[in-house]
Amino acid sequence: MIKTTVIILSLIFAASAAHAQERPYFVTYSHEMEEPGNLEVESYNVMGQPPGGNLFFGSTLEFEYGVKAWWTSEFYLDGQSTQNESTIFTGFRWENRIRPLLREHVVNPVIYVEYENISADKALREVVGHDGAADLTTPNGEARPDVARELELKLILGTNWRGWNFSENFINEKNLLGGPWEFGYAWAVSRPLALAASSRPCNFCREKFQAGVEMYGGLGDANGFGLHETSHYIGPTINWSAPGNATLSFSPQFGVNDYSVPHLYRFGVSYEIDQFLSRLRKEGR
């Protein structure tokens, strides 16, 4: 099963991980970049059931590497399992994020470019165009041969203010095999439950938790920009910097109209390995 594989791979990395706290977002990107030389291994998962369809579990295993202070690159492996159907590998993605302004500003822009090669995908890492619940009811056997090779562009805007993080994403996606540009959005806000560290070591101190709200959805396409026949989701989100250098995240999300899946449950785990290539060189000697 995809879920079991993801957990095993994550645990393998845990022994050598150096922890870094993450924003509690599942779809929205913040403007913060990966530290140069660090490798972060992440598993993001979603569970839901569209009206008239089967329960599904979508999963993404991600490898995020800090190439430079201004450049983060990430490789994704996607898969999904649908009840009464099958468990399949659905493709891969390769993203690059470029931050043109390294100093902290009131608004910090990041340019995002991603290539996708996917089919029958149910990871729901973004919602664009007229994506909706009905798309998730197509049987795996019918959806899998329809491979999408897509270019995805995002403008990421982020602000940090008095412990709060505000992040906005504007999404543009184009199937390179044909079809119009599709548009979407994501935004989120979060804050640690406490800004000052406790004077005592503890696993459940308030500063170990971040909480917030996330919302995302489609904005139509080049043939019809807007909210008509688009799906949207909103929900609270929280993460915990757990013992053992792990960050655990969870978010129950709710569809806000009839085009959306009524309920989505997202959860994730991430580990960060500091100076990954340097560690490999030392071990290879």
C-alpha atoms as a PDB file:
ATOM      1  CA  MET A   1       0.000   0.000   0.000  1.00  0.00           C
ATOM      2  CA  ILE A   2       1.109   3.572  -0.728  1.00  0.00           C
ATOM      3  CA  LYS A   3       0.487   4.639   2.851  1.00  0.00           C
ATOM      4  CA  THR A   4       2.707   1.896   4.263  1.00  0.00           C
ATOM      5  CA  THR A   5       5.506   2.644   1.784  1.00  0.00           C
ATOM      6  CA  VAL A   6       5.453   6.332   2.643  1.00  0.00           C
ATOM      7  CA  ILE A   7       5.657   5.656   6.384  1.00  0.00           C
ATOM      8  CA  ILE A   8       8.562   3.226   5.970  1.00  0.00           C
ATOM      9  CA  LEU A   9      10.538   5.639   3.774  1.00  0.00           C
ATOM     10  CA  SER A  10       9.936   8.482   6.203  1.00  0.00           C
ATOM     11  CA  LEU A  11      11.109   6.424   9.180  1.00  0.00           C
ATOM     12  CA  ILE A  12      14.307   5.506   7.371  1.00  0.00           C
ATOM     13  CA  PHE A  13      15.240   9.177   7.207  1.00  0.00           C
ATOM     14  CA  ALA A  14      14.227   9.930  10.772  1.00  0.00           C
ATOM     15  CA  ALA A  15      17.381   8.623  12.365  1.00  0.00           C
ATOM     16  CA  SER A  16      19.607  11.225  10.681  1.00  0.00           C
ATOM     17  CA  ALA A  17      17.196  14.139  10.515  1.00  0.00           C
ATOM     18  CA  ALA A  18      17.694  17.634  11.876  1.00  0.00           C
ATOM     19  CA  HIS A  19      14.391  19.233  12.679  1.00  0.00           C
ATOM     20  CA  ALA A  20      12.986  22.466  11.250  1.00  0.00           C
ATOM     21  CA  GLN A  21       9.480  23.723  11.960  1.00  0.00           C
ATOM     22  CA  GLU A  22       7.159  23.920   8.955  1.00  0.00           C
ATOM     23  CA  ARG A  23       4.177  26.094   8.153  1.00  0.00           C
ATOM     24  CA  PRO A  24       0.952  24.087   8.641  1.00  0.00           C
ATOM     25  CA  TYR A  25      -0.132  24.378   4.987  1.00  0.00           C
ATOM     26  CA  PHE A  26      -1.040  21.581   2.574  1.00  0.00           C
ATOM     27  CA  VAL A  27      -1.789  23.475  -0.661  1.00  0.00           C
ATOM     28  CA  THR A  28      -0.539  27.011  -0.032  1.00  0.00           C
ATOM     29  CA  TYR A  29       3.165  27.811  -0.352  1.00  0.00           C
ATOM     30  CA  SER A  30       4.840  30.364   1.897  1.00  0.00           C
ATOM     31  CA  HIS A  31       7.734  32.518   0.709  1.00  0.00           C
ATOM     32  CA  GLU A  32      10.233  30.737   2.957  1.00  0.00           C
ATOM     33  CA  MET A  33      12.869  28.679   1.133  1.00  0.00           C
ATOM     34  CA  GLU A  34      14.741  25.532   2.073  1.00  0.00           C
ATOM     35  CA  GLU A  35      18.130  26.143   3.714  1.00  0.00           C
ATOM     36  CA  PRO A  36      20.996  25.660   1.200  1.00  0.00           C
ATOM     37  CA  GLY A  37      22.316  22.101   1.331  1.00  0.00           C
ATOM     38  CA  ASN A  38      19.392  20.760   3.354  1.00  0.00           C
ATOM     39  CA  LEU A  39      17.109  17.982   2.134  1.00  0.00           C
ATOM     40  CA  GLU A  40      13.571  17.750   3.424  1.00  0.00           C
ATOM     41  CA  VAL A  41      11.560  14.562   2.981  1.00  0.00           C
ATOM     42  CA  GLU A  42       7.795  15.054   3.229  1.00  0.00           C
ATOM     43  CA  SER A  43       4.706  12.908   2.932  1.00  0.00           C
ATOM     44  CA  TYR A  44       1.423  14.738   2.303  1.00  0.00           C
ATOM     45  CA  ASN A  45      -1.810  12.772   2.172  1.00  0.00           C
ATOM     46  CA  VAL A  46      -5.495  13.425   1.607  1.00  0.00           C
ATOM     47  CA  MET A  47      -8.610  11.315   2.121  1.00  0.00           C
ATOM     48  CA  GLY A  48     -12.109  12.027   0.860  1.00  0.00           C
ATOM     49  CA  GLN A  49     -15.180  10.648  -0.857  1.00  0.00           C
ATOM     50  CA  PRO A  50     -16.902  12.506  -3.710  1.00  0.00           C
ATOM     51  CA  PRO A  51     -20.691  12.200  -3.972  1.00  0.00           C
ATOM     52  CA  GLY A  52     -21.478   9.092  -6.003  1.00  0.00           C
ATOM     53  CA  GLY A  53     -17.864   7.920  -5.883  1.00  0.00           C
ATOM     54  CA  ASN A  54     -15.589   5.704  -3.831  1.00  0.00           C
ATOM     55  CA  LEU A  55     -13.463   6.667  -0.860  1.00  0.00           C
ATOM     56  CA  PHE A  56      -9.950   7.619  -2.019  1.00  0.00           C
ATOM     57  CA  PHE A  57      -6.537   8.125  -0.446  1.00  0.00           C
ATOM     58  CA  GLY A  58      -4.096  10.336  -2.355  1.00  0.00           C
ATOM     59  CA  SER A  59      -0.440  10.583  -1.369  1.00  0.00           C
ATOM     60  CA  THR A  60       2.637  12.558  -2.355  1.00  0.00           C
ATOM     61  CA  LEU A  61       6.209  11.741  -1.339  1.00  0.00           C
ATOM     62  CA  GLU A  62       8.371  14.856  -1.740  1.00  0.00           C
ATOM     63  CA  PHE A  63      12.113  15.511  -1.754  1.00  0.00           C
ATOM     64  CA  GLU A  64      12.881  19.214  -1.299  1.00  0.00           C
ATOM     65  CA  TYR A  65      16.475  20.441  -1.637  1.00  0.00           C
ATOM     66  CA  GLY A  66      17.939  23.868  -0.965  1.00  0.00           C
ATOM     67  CA  VAL A  67      20.148  24.489  -4.013  1.00  0.00           C
ATOM     68  CA  LYS A  68      20.894  28.128  -3.166  1.00  0.00           C
ATOM     69  CA  ALA A  69      19.513  30.641  -0.692  1.00  0.00           C
ATOM     70  CA  TRP A  70      17.329  31.954  -3.541  1.00  0.00           C
ATOM     71  CA  TRP A  71      16.560  28.597  -5.229  1.00  0.00           C
ATOM     72  CA  THR A  72      14.700  25.545  -3.895  1.00  0.00           C
ATOM     73  CA  SER A  73      14.062  22.482  -6.051  1.00  0.00           C
ATOM     74  CA  GLU A  74      11.606  19.682  -5.270  1.00  0.00           C
ATOM     75  CA  PHE A  75      10.737  16.294  -6.778  1.00  0.00           C
ATOM     76  CA  TYR A  76       7.386  14.568  -6.134  1.00  0.00           C
ATOM     77  CA  LEU A  77       6.174  10.993  -6.508  1.00  0.00           C
ATOM     78  CA  ASP A  78       2.369  10.685  -6.504  1.00  0.00           C
ATOM     79  CA  GLY A  79       0.067   7.757  -5.929  1.00  0.00           C
ATOM     80  CA  GLN A  80      -3.483   6.975  -4.898  1.00  0.00           C
ATOM     81  CA  SER A  81      -5.673   4.171  -3.667  1.00  0.00           C
ATOM     82  CA  THR A  82      -9.423   4.088  -4.346  1.00  0.00           C
ATOM     83  CA  GLN A  83     -11.763   1.775  -2.494  1.00  0.00           C
ATOM     84  CA  ASN A  84     -13.263  -1.010  -4.649  1.00  0.00           C
ATOM     85  CA  GLU A  85     -10.849  -0.110  -7.473  1.00  0.00           C
ATOM     86  CA  SER A  86      -7.039  -0.197  -7.265  1.00  0.00           C
ATOM     87  CA  THR A  87      -3.836   1.287  -5.856  1.00  0.00           C
ATOM     88  CA  ILE A  88      -1.696   2.948  -8.528  1.00  0.00           C
ATOM     89  CA  PHE A  89       1.320   5.154  -9.096  1.00  0.00           C
ATOM     90  CA  THR A  90      -0.015   8.322 -10.725  1.00  0.00           C
ATOM     91  CA  GLY A  91       3.133  10.149 -11.830  1.00  0.00           C
ATOM     92  CA  PHE A  92       5.793  12.659 -10.886  1.00  0.00           C
ATOM     93  CA  ARG A  93       6.321  16.409 -10.599  1.00  0.00           C
ATOM     94  CA  TRP A  94       9.428  18.587 -10.610  1.00  0.00           C
ATOM     95  CA  GLU A  95       9.210  22.082  -9.200  1.00  0.00           C
ATOM     96  CA  ASN A  96      11.598  24.991  -8.786  1.00  0.00           C
ATOM     97  CA  ARG A  97      11.034  28.056  -6.635  1.00  0.00           C
ATOM     98  CA  ILE A  98      13.033  31.241  -7.144  1.00  0.00           C
ATOM     99  CA  ARG A  99      13.062  34.089  -4.613  1.00  0.00           C
ATOM    100  CA  PRO A 100      14.279  37.279  -6.352  1.00  0.00           C
ATOM    101  CA  LEU A 101      14.479  39.376  -3.144  1.00  0.00           C
ATOM    102  CA  LEU A 102      16.434  37.679  -0.370  1.00  0.00           C
ATOM    103  CA  ARG A 103      15.956  40.314   2.301  1.00  0.00           C
ATOM    104  CA  GLU A 104      12.700  40.321   4.209  1.00  0.00           C
ATOM    105  CA  HIS A 105      10.179  42.855   2.874  1.00  0.00           C
ATOM    106  CA  VAL A 106       6.583  43.705   3.701  1.00  0.00           C
ATOM    107  CA  VAL A 107       5.565  41.471   0.781  1.00  0.00           C
ATOM    108  CA  ASN A 108       8.023  38.806  -0.393  1.00  0.00           C
ATOM    109  CA  PRO A 109       7.522  37.372  -3.904  1.00  0.00           C
ATOM    110  CA  VAL A 110       8.561  33.907  -5.080  1.00  0.00           C
ATOM    111  CA  ILE A 111       8.341  32.572  -8.646  1.00  0.00           C
ATOM    112  CA  TYR A 112       7.254  28.928  -8.923  1.00  0.00           C
ATOM    113  CA  VAL A 113       7.667  26.723 -12.033  1.00  0.00           C
ATOM    114  CA  GLU A 114       6.611  23.062 -12.132  1.00  0.00           C
ATOM    115  CA  TYR A 115       6.447  20.306 -14.731  1.00  0.00           C
ATOM    116  CA  GLU A 116       3.889  17.536 -14.125  1.00  0.00           C
ATOM    117  CA  ASN A 117       3.499  14.129 -15.705  1.00  0.00           C
ATOM    118  CA  ILE A 118       0.444  12.648 -14.026  1.00  0.00           C
ATOM    119  CA  SER A 119      -2.721  10.631 -14.619  1.00  0.00           C
ATOM    120  CA  ALA A 120      -5.639   9.643 -12.378  1.00  0.00           C
ATOM    121  CA  ASP A 121      -4.140  11.940  -9.756  1.00  0.00           C
ATOM    122  CA  LYS A 122      -5.969  12.375  -6.444  1.00  0.00           C
ATOM    123  CA  ALA A 123      -3.281  14.049  -4.333  1.00  0.00           C
ATOM    124  CA  LEU A 124      -5.109  17.392  -4.807  1.00  0.00           C
ATOM    125  CA  ARG A 125      -2.004  19.517  -4.348  1.00  0.00           C
ATOM    126  CA  GLU A 126      -3.846  22.319  -6.140  1.00  0.00           C
ATOM    127  CA  VAL A 127      -7.296  23.035  -7.573  1.00  0.00           C
ATOM    128  CA  VAL A 128      -7.488  24.940 -10.870  1.00  0.00           C
ATOM    129  CA  GLY A 129      -9.941  25.681 -13.633  1.00  0.00           C
ATOM    130  CA  HIS A 130     -13.160  23.732 -13.242  1.00  0.00           C
ATOM    131  CA  ASP A 131     -11.682  20.852 -11.226  1.00  0.00           C
ATOM    132  CA  GLY A 132     -14.458  19.380  -9.129  1.00  0.00           C
ATOM    133  CA  ALA A 133     -15.784  16.389  -7.238  1.00  0.00           C
ATOM    134  CA  ALA A 134     -17.083  14.757 -10.432  1.00  0.00           C
ATOM    135  CA  ASP A 135     -13.510  14.417 -11.756  1.00  0.00           C
ATOM    136  CA  LEU A 136     -12.701  12.159  -8.810  1.00  0.00           C
ATOM    137  CA  THR A 137     -15.432   9.637  -9.627  1.00  0.00           C
ATOM    138  CA  THR A 138     -13.850   8.426 -12.894  1.00  0.00           C
ATOM    139  CA  PRO A 139     -12.671   4.815 -12.357  1.00  0.00           C
ATOM    140  CA  ASN A 140      -8.909   4.336 -12.208  1.00  0.00           C
ATOM    141  CA  GLY A 141      -8.968   2.031 -15.213  1.00  0.00           C
ATOM    142  CA  GLU A 142     -10.481   4.782 -17.358  1.00  0.00           C
ATOM    143  CA  ALA A 143      -8.500   7.711 -15.947  1.00  0.00           C
ATOM    144  CA  ARG A 144      -5.028   6.163 -15.930  1.00  0.00           C
ATOM    145  CA  PRO A 145      -4.407   6.123 -19.733  1.00  0.00           C
ATOM    146  CA  ASP A 146      -5.166   9.861 -19.914  1.00  0.00           C
ATOM    147  CA  VAL A 147      -1.717  11.280 -19.081  1.00  0.00           C
ATOM    148  CA  ALA A 148      -1.446  15.024 -18.530  1.00  0.00           C
ATOM    149  CA  ARG A 149       1.869  16.760 -19.166  1.00  0.00           C
ATOM    150  CA  GLU A 150       1.398  20.165 -17.615  1.00  0.00           C
ATOM    151  CA  LEU A 151       3.280  23.368 -16.908  1.00  0.00           C
ATOM    152  CA  GLU A 152       2.294  25.070 -13.674  1.00  0.00           C
ATOM    153  CA  LEU A 153       3.294  28.623 -12.779  1.00  0.00           C
ATOM    154  CA  LYS A 154       2.643  30.324  -9.452  1.00  0.00           C
ATOM    155  CA  LEU A 155       3.209  33.738  -8.004  1.00  0.00           C
ATOM    156  CA  ILE A 156       3.748  33.268  -4.279  1.00  0.00           C
ATOM    157  CA  LEU A 157       3.425  36.274  -1.987  1.00  0.00           C
ATOM    158  CA  GLY A 158       4.281  36.074   1.690  1.00  0.00           C
ATOM    159  CA  THR A 159       4.380  38.348   4.715  1.00  0.00           C
ATOM    160  CA  ASN A 160       5.631  37.748   8.258  1.00  0.00           C
ATOM    161  CA  TRP A 161       4.287  40.142  10.883  1.00  0.00           C
ATOM    162  CA  ARG A 162       4.484  39.820  14.668  1.00  0.00           C
ATOM    163  CA  GLY A 163       4.616  36.040  14.522  1.00  0.00           C
ATOM    164  CA  TRP A 164       1.880  35.756  11.909  1.00  0.00           C
ATOM    165  CA  ASN A 165       2.474  34.413   8.413  1.00  0.00           C
ATOM    166  CA  PHE A 166       0.225  35.485   5.539  1.00  0.00           C
ATOM    167  CA  SER A 167       0.641  33.596   2.241  1.00  0.00           C
ATOM    168  CA  GLU A 168      -1.143  34.055  -1.091  1.00  0.00           C
ATOM    169  CA  ASN A 169      -0.684  31.952  -4.241  1.00  0.00           C
ATOM    170  CA  PHE A 170      -1.923  32.763  -7.739  1.00  0.00           C
ATOM    171  CA  ILE A 171      -1.856  29.651  -9.951  1.00  0.00           C
ATOM    172  CA  ASN A 172      -1.667  29.267 -13.740  1.00  0.00           C
ATOM    173  CA  GLU A 173      -1.648  25.789 -15.294  1.00  0.00           C
ATOM    174  CA  LYS A 174      -1.457  24.632 -18.928  1.00  0.00           C
ATOM    175  CA  ASN A 175      -1.725  21.130 -20.355  1.00  0.00           C
ATOM    176  CA  LEU A 176       1.107  21.012 -22.901  1.00  0.00           C
ATOM    177  CA  LEU A 177      -0.910  18.546 -25.001  1.00  0.00           C
ATOM    178  CA  GLY A 178      -3.742  21.049 -25.511  1.00  0.00           C
ATOM    179  CA  GLY A 179      -6.459  23.037 -23.791  1.00  0.00           C
ATOM    180  CA  PRO A 180      -6.646  26.550 -22.318  1.00  0.00           C
ATOM    181  CA  TRP A 181      -4.724  28.011 -19.413  1.00  0.00           C
ATOM    182  CA  GLU A 182      -6.453  27.213 -16.117  1.00  0.00           C
ATOM    183  CA  PHE A 183      -6.362  29.419 -13.032  1.00  0.00           C
ATOM    184  CA  GLY A 184      -6.605  28.928  -9.296  1.00  0.00           C
ATOM    185  CA  TYR A 185      -5.675  30.411  -5.943  1.00  0.00           C
ATOM    186  CA  ALA A 186      -4.635  29.431  -2.446  1.00  0.00           C
ATOM    187  CA  TRP A 187      -4.185  31.518   0.683  1.00  0.00           C
ATOM    188  CA  ALA A 188      -3.405  30.775   4.293  1.00  0.00           C
ATOM    189  CA  VAL A 189      -2.590  32.443   7.587  1.00  0.00           C
ATOM    190  CA  SER A 190      -0.905  30.890  10.620  1.00  0.00           C
ATOM    191  CA  ARG A 191       0.884  31.647  13.860  1.00  0.00           C
ATOM    192  CA  PRO A 192       2.700  29.652  16.564  1.00  0.00           C
ATOM    193  CA  LEU A 193       0.576  29.300  19.678  1.00  0.00           C
ATOM    194  CA  ALA A 194       3.426  30.937  21.604  1.00  0.00           C
ATOM    195  CA  LEU A 195       6.337  33.010  20.313  1.00  0.00           C
ATOM    196  CA  ALA A 196       8.620  32.694  23.336  1.00  0.00           C
ATOM    197  CA  ALA A 197      10.242  29.344  24.098  1.00  0.00           C
ATOM    198  CA  SER A 198       9.466  27.669  27.396  1.00  0.00           C
ATOM    199  CA  SER A 199      12.171  27.696  30.070  1.00  0.00           C
ATOM    200  CA  ARG A 200      11.722  23.933  30.499  1.00  0.00           C
ATOM    201  CA  PRO A 201      12.201  21.179  27.900  1.00  0.00           C
ATOM    202  CA  CYS A 202       8.813  19.779  26.906  1.00  0.00           C
ATOM    203  CA  ASN A 203       7.127  18.030  24.009  1.00  0.00           C
ATOM    204  CA  PHE A 204       3.762  19.768  24.219  1.00  0.00           C
ATOM    205  CA  CYS A 205       4.770  23.369  24.889  1.00  0.00           C
ATOM    206  CA  ARG A 206       2.637  25.903  23.053  1.00  0.00           C
ATOM    207  CA  GLU A 207       5.552  27.044  20.869  1.00  0.00           C
ATOM    208  CA  LYS A 208       5.700  23.510  19.437  1.00  0.00           C
ATOM    209  CA  PHE A 209       2.336  24.082  17.710  1.00  0.00           C
ATOM    210  CA  GLN A 210       1.334  26.305  14.795  1.00  0.00           C
ATOM    211  CA  ALA A 211      -2.296  26.822  13.854  1.00  0.00           C
ATOM    212  CA  GLY A 212      -4.092  28.652  11.091  1.00  0.00           C
ATOM    213  CA  VAL A 213      -6.649  28.594   8.282  1.00  0.00           C
ATOM    214  CA  GLU A 214      -6.215  27.600   4.633  1.00  0.00           C
ATOM    215  CA  MET A 215      -8.494  28.148   1.617  1.00  0.00           C
ATOM    216  CA  TYR A 216      -8.036  27.288  -2.071  1.00  0.00           C
ATOM    217  CA  GLY A 217     -10.025  26.742  -5.257  1.00  0.00           C
ATOM    218  CA  GLY A 218     -10.403  27.200  -8.994  1.00  0.00           C
ATOM    219  CA  LEU A 219     -10.841  30.430 -10.946  1.00  0.00           C
ATOM    220  CA  GLY A 220     -11.956  29.064 -14.300  1.00  0.00           C
ATOM    221  CA  ASP A 221      -9.830  29.178 -17.437  1.00  0.00           C
ATOM    222  CA  ALA A 222      -8.867  31.393 -20.360  1.00  0.00           C
ATOM    223  CA  ASN A 223     -12.250  30.697 -21.970  1.00  0.00           C
ATOM    224  CA  GLY A 224     -14.167  31.767 -18.873  1.00  0.00           C
ATOM    225  CA  PHE A 225     -12.369  33.317 -15.900  1.00  0.00           C
ATOM    226  CA  GLY A 226     -14.340  33.442 -12.648  1.00  0.00           C
ATOM    227  CA  LEU A 227     -16.074  31.381  -9.984  1.00  0.00           C
ATOM    228  CA  HIS A 228     -18.760  29.767 -12.165  1.00  0.00           C
ATOM    229  CA  GLU A 229     -18.712  25.954 -11.779  1.00  0.00           C
ATOM    230  CA  THR A 230     -15.543  25.897  -9.685  1.00  0.00           C
ATOM    231  CA  SER A 231     -14.762  24.097  -6.439  1.00  0.00           C
ATOM    232  CA  HIS A 232     -13.404  25.634  -3.233  1.00  0.00           C
ATOM    233  CA  TYR A 233     -12.214  24.330   0.136  1.00  0.00           C
ATOM    234  CA  ILE A 234     -11.511  25.862   3.525  1.00  0.00           C
ATOM    235  CA  GLY A 235     -10.434  24.484   6.874  1.00  0.00           C
ATOM    236  CA  PRO A 236      -8.381  24.916  10.036  1.00  0.00           C
ATOM    237  CA  THR A 237      -4.863  23.547   9.999  1.00  0.00           C
ATOM    238  CA  ILE A 238      -2.345  22.718  12.695  1.00  0.00           C
ATOM    239  CA  ASN A 239       1.084  21.166  13.039  1.00  0.00           C
ATOM    240  CA  TRP A 240       3.214  19.911  15.905  1.00  0.00           C
ATOM    241  CA  SER A 241       6.989  19.794  16.189  1.00  0.00           C
ATOM    242  CA  ALA A 242       7.088  16.312  17.658  1.00  0.00           C
ATOM    243  CA  PRO A 243       9.939  14.444  19.380  1.00  0.00           C
ATOM    244  CA  GLY A 244      12.297  12.571  17.086  1.00  0.00           C
ATOM    245  CA  ASN A 245      12.779  15.488  14.679  1.00  0.00           C
ATOM    246  CA  ALA A 246       9.346  15.143  13.102  1.00  0.00           C
ATOM    247  CA  THR A 247       6.681  17.643  12.156  1.00  0.00           C
ATOM    248  CA  LEU A 248       3.151  16.254  12.037  1.00  0.00           C
ATOM    249  CA  SER A 249       0.366  18.192  10.314  1.00  0.00           C
ATOM    250  CA  PHE A 250      -3.395  17.800  10.120  1.00  0.00           C
ATOM    251  CA  SER A 251      -6.299  19.675   8.544  1.00  0.00           C
ATOM    252  CA  PRO A 252     -10.002  18.836   8.152  1.00  0.00           C
ATOM    253  CA  GLN A 253     -11.230  20.773   5.111  1.00  0.00           C
ATOM    254  CA  PHE A 254     -14.718  21.454   3.886  1.00  0.00           C
ATOM    255  CA  GLY A 255     -16.093  21.961   0.397  1.00  0.00           C
ATOM    256  CA  VAL A 256     -17.995  25.231   0.186  1.00  0.00           C
ATOM    257  CA  ASN A 257     -20.254  24.415  -2.790  1.00  0.00           C
ATOM    258  CA  ASP A 258     -21.833  21.532  -4.701  1.00  0.00           C
ATOM    259  CA  TYR A 259     -18.842  21.203  -7.050  1.00  0.00           C
ATOM    260  CA  SER A 260     -16.546  20.327  -4.143  1.00  0.00           C
ATOM    261  CA  VAL A 261     -15.941  17.112  -2.220  1.00  0.00           C
ATOM    262  CA  PRO A 262     -17.922  17.638   1.017  1.00  0.00           C
ATOM    263  CA  HIS A 263     -15.038  16.735   3.346  1.00  0.00           C
ATOM    264  CA  LEU A 264     -11.288  16.272   2.920  1.00  0.00           C
ATOM    265  CA  TYR A 265      -8.925  15.081   5.635  1.00  0.00           C
ATOM    266  CA  ARG A 266      -5.281  16.011   5.136  1.00  0.00           C
ATOM    267  CA  PHE A 267      -2.322  14.828   7.187  1.00  0.00           C
ATOM    268  CA  GLY A 268       1.412  14.871   6.715  1.00  0.00           C
ATOM    269  CA  VAL A 269       4.838  14.206   8.185  1.00  0.00           C
ATOM    270  CA  SER A 270       8.161  15.835   7.317  1.00  0.00           C
ATOM    271  CA  TYR A 271      11.830  15.459   8.230  1.00  0.00           C
ATOM    272  CA  GLU A 272      14.779  17.686   7.378  1.00  0.00           C
ATOM    273  CA  ILE A 273      18.334  16.414   6.887  1.00  0.00           C
ATOM    274  CA  ASP A 274      20.843  19.226   7.247  1.00  0.00           C
ATOM    275  CA  GLN A 275      23.754  19.405   4.758  1.00  0.00           C
ATOM    276  CA  PHE A 276      22.637  16.242   3.008  1.00  0.00           C
ATOM    277  CA  LEU A 277      25.394  16.038   0.370  1.00  0.00           C
ATOM    278  CA  SER A 278      28.110  16.741   2.936  1.00  0.00           C
ATOM    279  CA  ARG A 279      26.794  13.849   5.022  1.00  0.00           C
ATOM    280  CA  LEU A 280      26.930  11.555   1.984  1.00  0.00           C
ATOM    281  CA  ARG A 281      30.523  12.536   1.224  1.00  0.00           C
ATOM    282  CA  LYS A 282      31.595  11.865   4.800  1.00  0.00           C
ATOM    283  CA  GLU A 283      29.895   8.476   4.851  1.00  0.00           C
ATOM    284  CA  GLY A 284      31.462   7.590   1.486  1.00  0.00           C
ATOM    285  CA  ARG A 285      35.019   8.083   2.731  1.00  0.00           C
END
